[in-house]
Amino acid sequence: MRATDIDQAPQWVQDAVFYQIFPERFANGDHSIDPEGVVAWDSEPTATNFFGGDFSGIRAHLDHIVRLGANAIYLTPVFAAQTNHRYDSIDYQQIDPLLGGLPAFR
């Protein structure tokens, strides 16, 4: 293997402290885009229920993440999908509207 074939992590990653977020379960910041049948925030989570977490909810809590010492965020999948975890994305070109879509993602 040639040295040029080995990926090199960018310099900023060397000092990054990541905070992983499952957007659907992090915080509900925009109730106007809640999916039909959204459950109460204190309900027991299952593989099939939705709590309405979205990008607005994440943005509203960035200060908390910074206070924890994180300086980078790793999001679980954010593409349109049938499930709350979105690992079954149906369109890798469309940010899920239930999370706020592309405008909220930017």
PDB file of N, CA and C in Angstrom:
ATOM      1  N   MET A   1       0.846  -1.172   0.000  1.00  0.00           N
ATOM      2  CA  MET A   1       0.000   0.000   0.000  1.00  0.00           C
ATOM      3  C   MET A   1       0.895   1.241   0.000  1.00  0.00           C
ATOM      4  N   ARG A   2       0.512   2.201  -0.830  1.00  0.00           N
ATOM      5  CA  ARG A   2       1.266   3.459  -0.901  1.00  0.00           C
ATOM      6  C   ARG A   2       0.786   4.421   0.183  1.00  0.00           C
ATOM      7  N   ALA A   3       1.665   5.269   0.622  1.00  0.00           N
ATOM      8  CA  ALA A   3       1.317   6.251   1.652  1.00  0.00           C
ATOM      9  C   ALA A   3       0.162   7.138   1.206  1.00  0.00           C
ATOM     10  N   THR A   4       0.063   7.415  -0.086  1.00  0.00           N
ATOM     11  CA  THR A   4      -1.022   8.271  -0.587  1.00  0.00           C
ATOM     12  C   THR A   4      -2.372   7.568  -0.546  1.00  0.00           C
ATOM     13  N   ASP A   5      -2.377   6.253  -0.356  1.00  0.00           N
ATOM     14  CA  ASP A   5      -3.628   5.500  -0.281  1.00  0.00           C
ATOM     15  C   ASP A   5      -4.197   5.446   1.135  1.00  0.00           C
ATOM     16  N   ILE A   6      -3.465   5.943   2.091  1.00  0.00           N
ATOM     17  CA  ILE A   6      -3.898   5.910   3.483  1.00  0.00           C
ATOM     18  C   ILE A   6      -4.523   7.254   3.825  1.00  0.00           C
ATOM     19  N   ASP A   7      -5.770   7.202   4.291  1.00  0.00           N
ATOM     20  CA  ASP A   7      -6.446   8.439   4.685  1.00  0.00           C
ATOM     21  C   ASP A   7      -5.761   9.052   5.896  1.00  0.00           C
ATOM     22  N   GLN A   8      -5.618  10.338   5.856  1.00  0.00           N
ATOM     23  CA  GLN A   8      -5.063  11.080   6.979  1.00  0.00           C
ATOM     24  C   GLN A   8      -6.175  11.958   7.555  1.00  0.00           C
ATOM     25  N   ALA A   9      -6.382  11.846   8.841  1.00  0.00           N
ATOM     26  CA  ALA A   9      -7.398  12.672   9.483  1.00  0.00           C
ATOM     27  C   ALA A   9      -6.952  14.123   9.454  1.00  0.00           C
ATOM     28  N   PRO A  10      -7.888  15.045   9.236  1.00  0.00           N
ATOM     29  CA  PRO A  10      -7.517  16.459   9.263  1.00  0.00           C
ATOM     30  C   PRO A  10      -7.024  16.855  10.658  1.00  0.00           C
ATOM     31  N   GLN A  11      -6.232  17.880  10.719  1.00  0.00           N
ATOM     32  CA  GLN A  11      -5.619  18.315  11.978  1.00  0.00           C
ATOM     33  C   GLN A  11      -6.661  18.619  13.054  1.00  0.00           C
ATOM     34  N   TRP A  12      -7.781  19.252  12.679  1.00  0.00           N
ATOM     35  CA  TRP A  12      -8.755  19.643  13.687  1.00  0.00           C
ATOM     36  C   TRP A  12      -9.333  18.445  14.431  1.00  0.00           C
ATOM     37  N   VAL A  13      -9.361  17.277  13.796  1.00  0.00           N
ATOM     38  CA  VAL A  13      -9.921  16.087  14.434  1.00  0.00           C
ATOM     39  C   VAL A  13      -9.043  15.609  15.594  1.00  0.00           C
ATOM     40  N   GLN A  14      -7.763  15.870  15.505  1.00  0.00           N
ATOM     41  CA  GLN A  14      -6.831  15.395  16.525  1.00  0.00           C
ATOM     42  C   GLN A  14      -7.198  15.902  17.923  1.00  0.00           C
ATOM     43  N   ASP A  15      -7.750  17.108  18.000  1.00  0.00           N
ATOM     44  CA  ASP A  15      -8.106  17.691  19.293  1.00  0.00           C
ATOM     45  C   ASP A  15      -9.615  17.758  19.524  1.00  0.00           C
ATOM     46  N   ALA A  16     -10.387  17.127  18.655  1.00  0.00           N
ATOM     47  CA  ALA A  16     -11.845  17.208  18.749  1.00  0.00           C
ATOM     48  C   ALA A  16     -12.382  16.311  19.864  1.00  0.00           C
ATOM     49  N   VAL A  17     -13.391  16.839  20.549  1.00  0.00           N
ATOM     50  CA  VAL A  17     -14.149  16.065  21.526  1.00  0.00           C
ATOM     51  C   VAL A  17     -15.568  16.007  20.974  1.00  0.00           C
ATOM     52  N   PHE A  18     -15.980  14.828  20.531  1.00  0.00           N
ATOM     53  CA  PHE A  18     -17.276  14.670  19.874  1.00  0.00           C
ATOM     54  C   PHE A  18     -18.391  14.385  20.873  1.00  0.00           C
ATOM     55  N   TYR A  19     -19.565  14.919  20.564  1.00  0.00           N
ATOM     56  CA  TYR A  19     -20.795  14.619  21.284  1.00  0.00           C
ATOM     57  C   TYR A  19     -21.728  14.024  20.248  1.00  0.00           C
ATOM     58  N   GLN A  20     -22.143  12.765  20.441  1.00  0.00           N
ATOM     59  CA  GLN A  20     -23.020  12.113  19.469  1.00  0.00           C
ATOM     60  C   GLN A  20     -24.471  12.416  19.801  1.00  0.00           C
ATOM     61  N   ILE A  21     -25.237  12.734  18.759  1.00  0.00           N
ATOM     62  CA  ILE A  21     -26.646  13.068  18.939  1.00  0.00           C
ATOM     63  C   ILE A  21     -27.519  12.200  18.040  1.00  0.00           C
ATOM     64  N   PHE A  22     -28.539  11.617  18.645  1.00  0.00           N
ATOM     65  CA  PHE A  22     -29.622  10.922  17.951  1.00  0.00           C
ATOM     66  C   PHE A  22     -30.715  11.994  17.836  1.00  0.00           C
ATOM     67  N   PRO A  23     -30.782  12.720  16.714  1.00  0.00           N
ATOM     68  CA  PRO A  23     -31.622  13.915  16.624  1.00  0.00           C
ATOM     69  C   PRO A  23     -33.073  13.732  17.056  1.00  0.00           C
ATOM     70  N   GLU A  24     -33.689  12.621  16.709  1.00  0.00           N
ATOM     71  CA  GLU A  24     -35.098  12.411  17.019  1.00  0.00           C
ATOM     72  C   GLU A  24     -35.346  12.339  18.522  1.00  0.00           C
ATOM     73  N   ARG A  25     -34.338  12.001  19.287  1.00  0.00           N
ATOM     74  CA  ARG A  25     -34.503  11.831  20.732  1.00  0.00           C
ATOM     75  C   ARG A  25     -33.788  12.889  21.564  1.00  0.00           C
ATOM     76  N   PHE A  26     -33.159  13.856  20.927  1.00  0.00           N
ATOM     77  CA  PHE A  26     -32.365  14.820  21.692  1.00  0.00           C
ATOM     78  C   PHE A  26     -33.226  15.924  22.305  1.00  0.00           C
ATOM     79  N   ALA A  27     -33.947  16.667  21.484  1.00  0.00           N
ATOM     80  CA  ALA A  27     -34.798  17.751  21.986  1.00  0.00           C
ATOM     81  C   ALA A  27     -35.768  18.173  20.893  1.00  0.00           C
ATOM     82  N   ASN A  28     -37.000  18.450  21.291  1.00  0.00           N
ATOM     83  CA  ASN A  28     -38.027  18.896  20.354  1.00  0.00           C
ATOM     84  C   ASN A  28     -38.097  20.416  20.414  1.00  0.00           C
ATOM     85  N   GLY A  29     -37.554  21.065  19.394  1.00  0.00           N
ATOM     86  CA  GLY A  29     -37.522  22.518  19.381  1.00  0.00           C
ATOM     87  C   GLY A  29     -38.557  23.171  18.494  1.00  0.00           C
ATOM     88  N   ASP A  30     -39.207  22.394  17.627  1.00  0.00           N
ATOM     89  CA  ASP A  30     -40.185  22.957  16.691  1.00  0.00           C
ATOM     90  C   ASP A  30     -41.375  22.011  16.597  1.00  0.00           C
ATOM     91  N   HIS A  31     -42.381  22.260  17.424  1.00  0.00           N
ATOM     92  CA  HIS A  31     -43.554  21.379  17.465  1.00  0.00           C
ATOM     93  C   HIS A  31     -44.380  21.434  16.184  1.00  0.00           C
ATOM     94  N   SER A  32     -44.178  22.446  15.358  1.00  0.00           N
ATOM     95  CA  SER A  32     -44.960  22.556  14.118  1.00  0.00           C
ATOM     96  C   SER A  32     -44.593  21.478  13.101  1.00  0.00           C
ATOM     97  N   ILE A  33     -43.456  20.819  13.278  1.00  0.00           N
ATOM     98  CA  ILE A  33     -43.059  19.762  12.335  1.00  0.00           C
ATOM     99  C   ILE A  33     -43.097  18.377  12.984  1.00  0.00           C
ATOM    100  N   ASP A  34     -43.728  18.270  14.152  1.00  0.00           N
ATOM    101  CA  ASP A  34     -43.825  16.971  14.820  1.00  0.00           C
ATOM    102  C   ASP A  34     -44.514  15.955  13.917  1.00  0.00           C
ATOM    103  N   PRO A  35     -44.024  14.713  13.915  1.00  0.00           N
ATOM    104  CA  PRO A  35     -44.699  13.677  13.137  1.00  0.00           C
ATOM    105  C   PRO A  35     -46.051  13.349  13.762  1.00  0.00           C
ATOM    106  N   GLU A  36     -46.927  12.788  12.966  1.00  0.00           N
ATOM    107  CA  GLU A  36     -48.230  12.375  13.467  1.00  0.00           C
ATOM    108  C   GLU A  36     -48.023  11.316  14.547  1.00  0.00           C
ATOM    109  N   GLY A  37     -48.739  11.446  15.649  1.00  0.00           N
ATOM    110  CA  GLY A  37     -48.649  10.454  16.713  1.00  0.00           C
ATOM    111  C   GLY A  37     -47.443  10.604  17.618  1.00  0.00           C
ATOM    112  N   VAL A  38     -46.831  11.790  17.636  1.00  0.00           N
ATOM    113  CA  VAL A  38     -45.669  12.006  18.505  1.00  0.00           C
ATOM    114  C   VAL A  38     -46.074  11.702  19.952  1.00  0.00           C
ATOM    115  N   VAL A  39     -45.176  11.052  20.692  1.00  0.00           N
ATOM    116  CA  VAL A  39     -45.475  10.673  22.071  1.00  0.00           C
ATOM    117  C   VAL A  39     -44.914  11.711  23.037  1.00  0.00           C
ATOM    118  N   ALA A  40     -45.426  11.684  24.250  1.00  0.00           N
ATOM    119  CA  ALA A  40     -44.952  12.612  25.281  1.00  0.00           C
ATOM    120  C   ALA A  40     -43.473  12.371  25.552  1.00  0.00           C
ATOM    121  N   TRP A  41     -42.739  13.444  25.861  1.00  0.00           N
ATOM    122  CA  TRP A  41     -41.287  13.366  26.016  1.00  0.00           C
ATOM    123  C   TRP A  41     -40.866  12.372  27.097  1.00  0.00           C
ATOM    124  N   ASP A  42     -41.691  12.162  28.108  1.00  0.00           N
ATOM    125  CA  ASP A  42     -41.317  11.237  29.184  1.00  0.00           C
ATOM    126  C   ASP A  42     -41.825   9.813  28.951  1.00  0.00           C
ATOM    127  N   SER A  43     -42.319   9.513  27.751  1.00  0.00           N
ATOM    128  CA  SER A  43     -42.770   8.162  27.413  1.00  0.00           C
ATOM    129  C   SER A  43     -41.582   7.223  27.279  1.00  0.00           C
ATOM    130  N   GLU A  44     -41.861   5.932  27.409  1.00  0.00           N
ATOM    131  CA  GLU A  44     -40.793   4.945  27.233  1.00  0.00           C
ATOM    132  C   GLU A  44     -40.429   4.862  25.755  1.00  0.00           C
ATOM    133  N   PRO A  45     -39.151   4.998  25.423  1.00  0.00           N
ATOM    134  CA  PRO A  45     -38.754   4.923  24.013  1.00  0.00           C
ATOM    135  C   PRO A  45     -38.836   3.495  23.480  1.00  0.00           C
ATOM    136  N   THR A  46     -39.297   3.382  22.252  1.00  0.00           N
ATOM    137  CA  THR A  46     -39.321   2.099  21.556  1.00  0.00           C
ATOM    138  C   THR A  46     -38.715   2.311  20.174  1.00  0.00           C
ATOM    139  N   ALA A  47     -38.595   1.247  19.432  1.00  0.00           N
ATOM    140  CA  ALA A  47     -38.025   1.335  18.084  1.00  0.00           C
ATOM    141  C   ALA A  47     -38.982   1.990  17.097  1.00  0.00           C
ATOM    142  N   THR A  48     -40.244   2.117  17.473  1.00  0.00           N
ATOM    143  CA  THR A  48     -41.224   2.616  16.505  1.00  0.00           C
ATOM    144  C   THR A  48     -41.890   3.930  16.888  1.00  0.00           C
ATOM    145  N   ASN A  49     -41.636   4.459  18.083  1.00  0.00           N
ATOM    146  CA  ASN A  49     -42.309   5.714  18.417  1.00  0.00           C
ATOM    147  C   ASN A  49     -41.420   6.920  18.120  1.00  0.00           C
ATOM    148  N   PHE A  50     -42.072   8.068  18.022  1.00  0.00           N
ATOM    149  CA  PHE A  50     -41.385   9.317  17.700  1.00  0.00           C
ATOM    150  C   PHE A  50     -41.646  10.341  18.796  1.00  0.00           C
ATOM    151  N   PHE A  51     -40.598  11.071  19.180  1.00  0.00           N
ATOM    152  CA  PHE A  51     -40.692  12.102  20.204  1.00  0.00           C
ATOM    153  C   PHE A  51     -40.669  13.511  19.609  1.00  0.00           C
ATOM    154  N   GLY A  52     -40.299  13.630  18.356  1.00  0.00           N
ATOM    155  CA  GLY A  52     -40.313  14.931  17.696  1.00  0.00           C
ATOM    156  C   GLY A  52     -39.025  15.719  17.782  1.00  0.00           C
ATOM    157  N   GLY A  53     -37.932  15.090  18.178  1.00  0.00           N
ATOM    158  CA  GLY A  53     -36.654  15.798  18.219  1.00  0.00           C
ATOM    159  C   GLY A  53     -36.283  16.337  16.846  1.00  0.00           C
ATOM    160  N   ASP A  54     -35.599  17.476  16.806  1.00  0.00           N
ATOM    161  CA  ASP A  54     -35.294  18.120  15.528  1.00  0.00           C
ATOM    162  C   ASP A  54     -34.053  19.008  15.652  1.00  0.00           C
ATOM    163  N   PHE A  55     -33.658  19.596  14.528  1.00  0.00           N
ATOM    164  CA  PHE A  55     -32.466  20.456  14.518  1.00  0.00           C
ATOM    165  C   PHE A  55     -32.642  21.694  15.392  1.00  0.00           C
ATOM    166  N   SER A  56     -33.865  22.214  15.472  1.00  0.00           N
ATOM    167  CA  SER A  56     -34.102  23.376  16.339  1.00  0.00           C
ATOM    168  C   SER A  56     -33.828  23.020  17.794  1.00  0.00           C
ATOM    169  N   GLY A  57     -34.204  21.812  18.179  1.00  0.00           N
ATOM    170  CA  GLY A  57     -33.936  21.357  19.539  1.00  0.00           C
ATOM    171  C   GLY A  57     -32.450  21.229  19.812  1.00  0.00           C
ATOM    172  N   ILE A  58     -31.716  20.738  18.823  1.00  0.00           N
ATOM    173  CA  ILE A  58     -30.258  20.632  18.971  1.00  0.00           C
ATOM    174  C   ILE A  58     -29.653  22.020  19.120  1.00  0.00           C
ATOM    175  N   ARG A  59     -30.049  22.923  18.229  1.00  0.00           N
ATOM    176  CA  ARG A  59     -29.503  24.283  18.249  1.00  0.00           C
ATOM    177  C   ARG A  59     -29.763  24.958  19.599  1.00  0.00           C
ATOM    178  N   ALA A  60     -30.933  24.710  20.172  1.00  0.00           N
ATOM    179  CA  ALA A  60     -31.289  25.338  21.448  1.00  0.00           C
ATOM    180  C   ALA A  60     -30.423  24.847  22.607  1.00  0.00           C
ATOM    181  N   HIS A  61     -29.745  23.719  22.427  1.00  0.00           N
ATOM    182  CA  HIS A  61     -28.945  23.149  23.514  1.00  0.00           C
ATOM    183  C   HIS A  61     -27.450  23.108  23.219  1.00  0.00           C
ATOM    184  N   LEU A  62     -27.009  23.829  22.222  1.00  0.00           N
ATOM    185  CA  LEU A  62     -25.577  23.837  21.896  1.00  0.00           C
ATOM    186  C   LEU A  62     -24.730  24.341  23.064  1.00  0.00           C
ATOM    187  N   ASP A  63     -25.249  25.293  23.819  1.00  0.00           N
ATOM    188  CA  ASP A  63     -24.488  25.808  24.958  1.00  0.00           C
ATOM    189  C   ASP A  63     -24.204  24.708  25.981  1.00  0.00           C
ATOM    190  N   HIS A  64     -25.148  23.820  26.178  1.00  0.00           N
ATOM    191  CA  HIS A  64     -24.966  22.700  27.107  1.00  0.00           C
ATOM    192  C   HIS A  64     -23.855  21.769  26.618  1.00  0.00           C
ATOM    193  N   ILE A  65     -23.852  21.485  25.328  1.00  0.00           N
ATOM    194  CA  ILE A  65     -22.834  20.607  24.743  1.00  0.00           C
ATOM    195  C   ILE A  65     -21.449  21.231  24.895  1.00  0.00           C
ATOM    196  N   VAL A  66     -21.357  22.525  24.660  1.00  0.00           N
ATOM    197  CA  VAL A  66     -20.077  23.226  24.823  1.00  0.00           C
ATOM    198  C   VAL A  66     -19.620  23.168  26.281  1.00  0.00           C
ATOM    199  N   ARG A  67     -20.543  23.359  27.227  1.00  0.00           N
ATOM    200  CA  ARG A  67     -20.182  23.297  28.656  1.00  0.00           C
ATOM    201  C   ARG A  67     -19.671  21.915  29.056  1.00  0.00           C
ATOM    202  N   LEU A  68     -20.107  20.893  28.354  1.00  0.00           N
ATOM    203  CA  LEU A  68     -19.614  19.538  28.624  1.00  0.00           C
ATOM    204  C   LEU A  68     -18.190  19.337  28.122  1.00  0.00           C
ATOM    205  N   GLY A  69     -17.711  20.270  27.304  1.00  0.00           N
ATOM    206  CA  GLY A  69     -16.353  20.180  26.778  1.00  0.00           C
ATOM    207  C   GLY A  69     -16.272  19.686  25.346  1.00  0.00           C
ATOM    208  N   ALA A  70     -17.412  19.435  24.725  1.00  0.00           N
ATOM    209  CA  ALA A  70     -17.411  18.978  23.331  1.00  0.00           C
ATOM    210  C   ALA A  70     -17.209  20.164  22.397  1.00  0.00           C
ATOM    211  N   ASN A  71     -16.491  19.922  21.312  1.00  0.00           N
ATOM    212  CA  ASN A  71     -16.300  20.968  20.300  1.00  0.00           C
ATOM    213  C   ASN A  71     -16.603  20.444  18.899  1.00  0.00           C
ATOM    214  N   ALA A  72     -17.234  19.271  18.832  1.00  0.00           N
ATOM    215  CA  ALA A  72     -17.651  18.685  17.559  1.00  0.00           C
ATOM    216  C   ALA A  72     -18.889  17.830  17.819  1.00  0.00           C
ATOM    217  N   ILE A  73     -19.758  17.737  16.825  1.00  0.00           N
ATOM    218  CA  ILE A  73     -20.987  16.952  16.954  1.00  0.00           C
ATOM    219  C   ILE A  73     -21.011  15.878  15.879  1.00  0.00           C
ATOM    220  N   TYR A  74     -21.386  14.669  16.301  1.00  0.00           N
ATOM    221  CA  TYR A  74     -21.586  13.554  15.380  1.00  0.00           C
ATOM    222  C   TYR A  74     -23.072  13.234  15.408  1.00  0.00           C
ATOM    223  N   LEU A  75     -23.749  13.422  14.282  1.00  0.00           N
ATOM    224  CA  LEU A  75     -25.176  13.126  14.199  1.00  0.00           C
ATOM    225  C   LEU A  75     -25.392  11.731  13.638  1.00  0.00           C
ATOM    226  N   THR A  76     -26.338  10.995  14.227  1.00  0.00           N
ATOM    227  CA  THR A  76     -26.771   9.759  13.593  1.00  0.00           C
ATOM    228  C   THR A  76     -27.504  10.170  12.313  1.00  0.00           C
ATOM    229  N   PRO A  77     -27.875   9.236  11.429  1.00  0.00           N
ATOM    230  CA  PRO A  77     -28.442   9.627  10.128  1.00  0.00           C
ATOM    231  C   PRO A  77     -29.565  10.660  10.224  1.00  0.00           C
ATOM    232  N   VAL A  78     -29.572  11.568   9.254  1.00  0.00           N
ATOM    233  CA  VAL A  78     -30.550  12.662   9.232  1.00  0.00           C
ATOM    234  C   VAL A  78     -31.367  12.673   7.936  1.00  0.00           C
ATOM    235  N   PHE A  79     -31.245  11.628   7.133  1.00  0.00           N
ATOM    236  CA  PHE A  79     -31.942  11.581   5.850  1.00  0.00           C
ATOM    237  C   PHE A  79     -33.352  11.024   6.018  1.00  0.00           C
ATOM    238  N   ALA A  80     -34.219  11.327   5.064  1.00  0.00           N
ATOM    239  CA  ALA A  80     -35.596  10.850   5.095  1.00  0.00           C
ATOM    240  C   ALA A  80     -35.614   9.332   5.237  1.00  0.00           C
ATOM    241  N   ALA A  81     -36.457   8.837   6.151  1.00  0.00           N
ATOM    242  CA  ALA A  81     -36.538   7.405   6.425  1.00  0.00           C
ATOM    243  C   ALA A  81     -37.896   7.081   7.048  1.00  0.00           C
ATOM    244  N   GLN A  82     -38.164   5.798   7.206  1.00  0.00           N
ATOM    245  CA  GLN A  82     -39.419   5.347   7.806  1.00  0.00           C
ATOM    246  C   GLN A  82     -39.320   5.187   9.323  1.00  0.00           C
ATOM    247  N   THR A  83     -38.111   5.046   9.841  1.00  0.00           N
ATOM    248  CA  THR A  83     -37.944   4.772  11.266  1.00  0.00           C
ATOM    249  C   THR A  83     -37.340   5.963  12.007  1.00  0.00           C
ATOM    250  N   ASN A  84     -37.433   5.925  13.330  1.00  0.00           N
ATOM    251  CA  ASN A  84     -36.913   7.034  14.136  1.00  0.00           C
ATOM    252  C   ASN A  84     -35.391   7.104  14.127  1.00  0.00           C
ATOM    253  N   HIS A  85     -34.713   5.989  13.931  1.00  0.00           N
ATOM    254  CA  HIS A  85     -33.242   6.006  13.935  1.00  0.00           C
ATOM    255  C   HIS A  85     -32.659   6.396  12.579  1.00  0.00           C
ATOM    256  N   ARG A  86     -33.435   6.280  11.530  1.00  0.00           N
ATOM    257  CA  ARG A  86     -33.072   6.706  10.172  1.00  0.00           C
ATOM    258  C   ARG A  86     -31.885   5.958   9.556  1.00  0.00           C
ATOM    259  N   TYR A  87     -31.535   4.819  10.094  1.00  0.00           N
ATOM    260  CA  TYR A  87     -30.495   4.016   9.454  1.00  0.00           C
ATOM    261  C   TYR A  87     -31.037   3.322   8.210  1.00  0.00           C
ATOM    262  N   ASP A  88     -32.332   3.420   7.978  1.00  0.00           N
ATOM    263  CA  ASP A  88     -32.956   2.859   6.779  1.00  0.00           C
ATOM    264  C   ASP A  88     -33.311   3.976   5.795  1.00  0.00           C
ATOM    265  N   SER A  89     -32.451   4.926   5.652  1.00  0.00           N
ATOM    266  CA  SER A  89     -32.692   6.095   4.793  1.00  0.00           C
ATOM    267  C   SER A  89     -33.209   5.678   3.422  1.00  0.00           C
ATOM    268  N   ILE A  90     -34.223   6.412   2.957  1.00  0.00           N
ATOM    269  CA  ILE A  90     -34.791   6.116   1.642  1.00  0.00           C
ATOM    270  C   ILE A  90     -34.317   7.107   0.587  1.00  0.00           C
ATOM    271  N   ASP A  91     -33.720   8.209   1.020  1.00  0.00           N
ATOM    272  CA  ASP A  91     -33.244   9.208   0.069  1.00  0.00           C
ATOM    273  C   ASP A  91     -32.065   9.957   0.688  1.00  0.00           C
ATOM    274  N   TYR A  92     -30.877   9.615   0.236  1.00  0.00           N
ATOM    275  CA  TYR A  92     -29.670  10.249   0.777  1.00  0.00           C
ATOM    276  C   TYR A  92     -29.468  11.672   0.256  1.00  0.00           C
ATOM    277  N   GLN A  93     -30.377  12.154  -0.542  1.00  0.00           N
ATOM    278  CA  GLN A  93     -30.307  13.519  -1.059  1.00  0.00           C
ATOM    279  C   GLN A  93     -31.270  14.450  -0.325  1.00  0.00           C
ATOM    280  N   GLN A  94     -32.076  13.906   0.601  1.00  0.00           N
ATOM    281  CA  GLN A  94     -33.078  14.723   1.279  1.00  0.00           C
ATOM    282  C   GLN A  94     -32.924  14.634   2.799  1.00  0.00           C
ATOM    283  N   ILE A  95     -32.618  15.770   3.412  1.00  0.00           N
ATOM    284  CA  ILE A  95     -32.609  15.848   4.871  1.00  0.00           C
ATOM    285  C   ILE A  95     -34.063  15.708   5.320  1.00  0.00           C
ATOM    286  N   ASP A  96     -34.316  14.881   6.303  1.00  0.00           N
ATOM    287  CA  ASP A  96     -35.686  14.583   6.722  1.00  0.00           C
ATOM    288  C   ASP A  96     -36.430  15.851   7.145  1.00  0.00           C
ATOM    289  N   PRO A  97     -37.585  16.115   6.517  1.00  0.00           N
ATOM    290  CA  PRO A  97     -38.389  17.283   6.893  1.00  0.00           C
ATOM    291  C   PRO A  97     -38.845  17.241   8.355  1.00  0.00           C
ATOM    292  N   LEU A  98     -38.966  16.038   8.924  1.00  0.00           N
ATOM    293  CA  LEU A  98     -39.375  15.934  10.325  1.00  0.00           C
ATOM    294  C   LEU A  98     -38.304  16.454  11.280  1.00  0.00           C
ATOM    295  N   LEU A  99     -37.096  16.615  10.777  1.00  0.00           N
ATOM    296  CA  LEU A  99     -36.021  17.209  11.583  1.00  0.00           C
ATOM    297  C   LEU A  99     -35.880  18.703  11.297  1.00  0.00           C
ATOM    298  N   GLY A 100     -36.605  19.187  10.304  1.00  0.00           N
ATOM    299  CA  GLY A 100     -36.529  20.589   9.912  1.00  0.00           C
ATOM    300  C   GLY A 100     -36.053  20.780   8.488  1.00  0.00           C
ATOM    301  N   GLY A 101     -35.659  19.683   7.837  1.00  0.00           N
ATOM    302  CA  GLY A 101     -35.215  19.768   6.449  1.00  0.00           C
ATOM    303  C   GLY A 101     -33.885  20.486   6.298  1.00  0.00           C
ATOM    304  N   LEU A 102     -33.528  20.725   5.054  1.00  0.00           N
ATOM    305  CA  LEU A 102     -32.246  21.359   4.743  1.00  0.00           C
ATOM    306  C   LEU A 102     -32.102  22.757   5.346  1.00  0.00           C
ATOM    307  N   PRO A 103     -33.148  23.600   5.313  1.00  0.00           N
ATOM    308  CA  PRO A 103     -32.985  24.942   5.893  1.00  0.00           C
ATOM    309  C   PRO A 103     -32.571  24.903   7.375  1.00  0.00           C
ATOM    310  N   ALA A 104     -33.170  24.026   8.147  1.00  0.00           N
ATOM    311  CA  ALA A 104     -32.827  23.935   9.570  1.00  0.00           C
ATOM    312  C   ALA A 104     -31.467  23.282   9.773  1.00  0.00           C
ATOM    313  N   PHE A 105     -31.088  22.395   8.868  1.00  0.00           N
ATOM    314  CA  PHE A 105     -29.799  21.711   8.964  1.00  0.00           C
ATOM    315  C   PHE A 105     -28.649  22.682   8.758  1.00  0.00           C
ATOM    316  N   ARG A 106     -28.844  23.633   7.867  1.00  0.00           N
ATOM    317  CA  ARG A 106     -27.778  24.604   7.566  1.00  0.00           C
ATOM    318  C   ARG A 106     -27.555  25.484   8.753  1.00  0.00           C
TER     319      ARG A 106
END
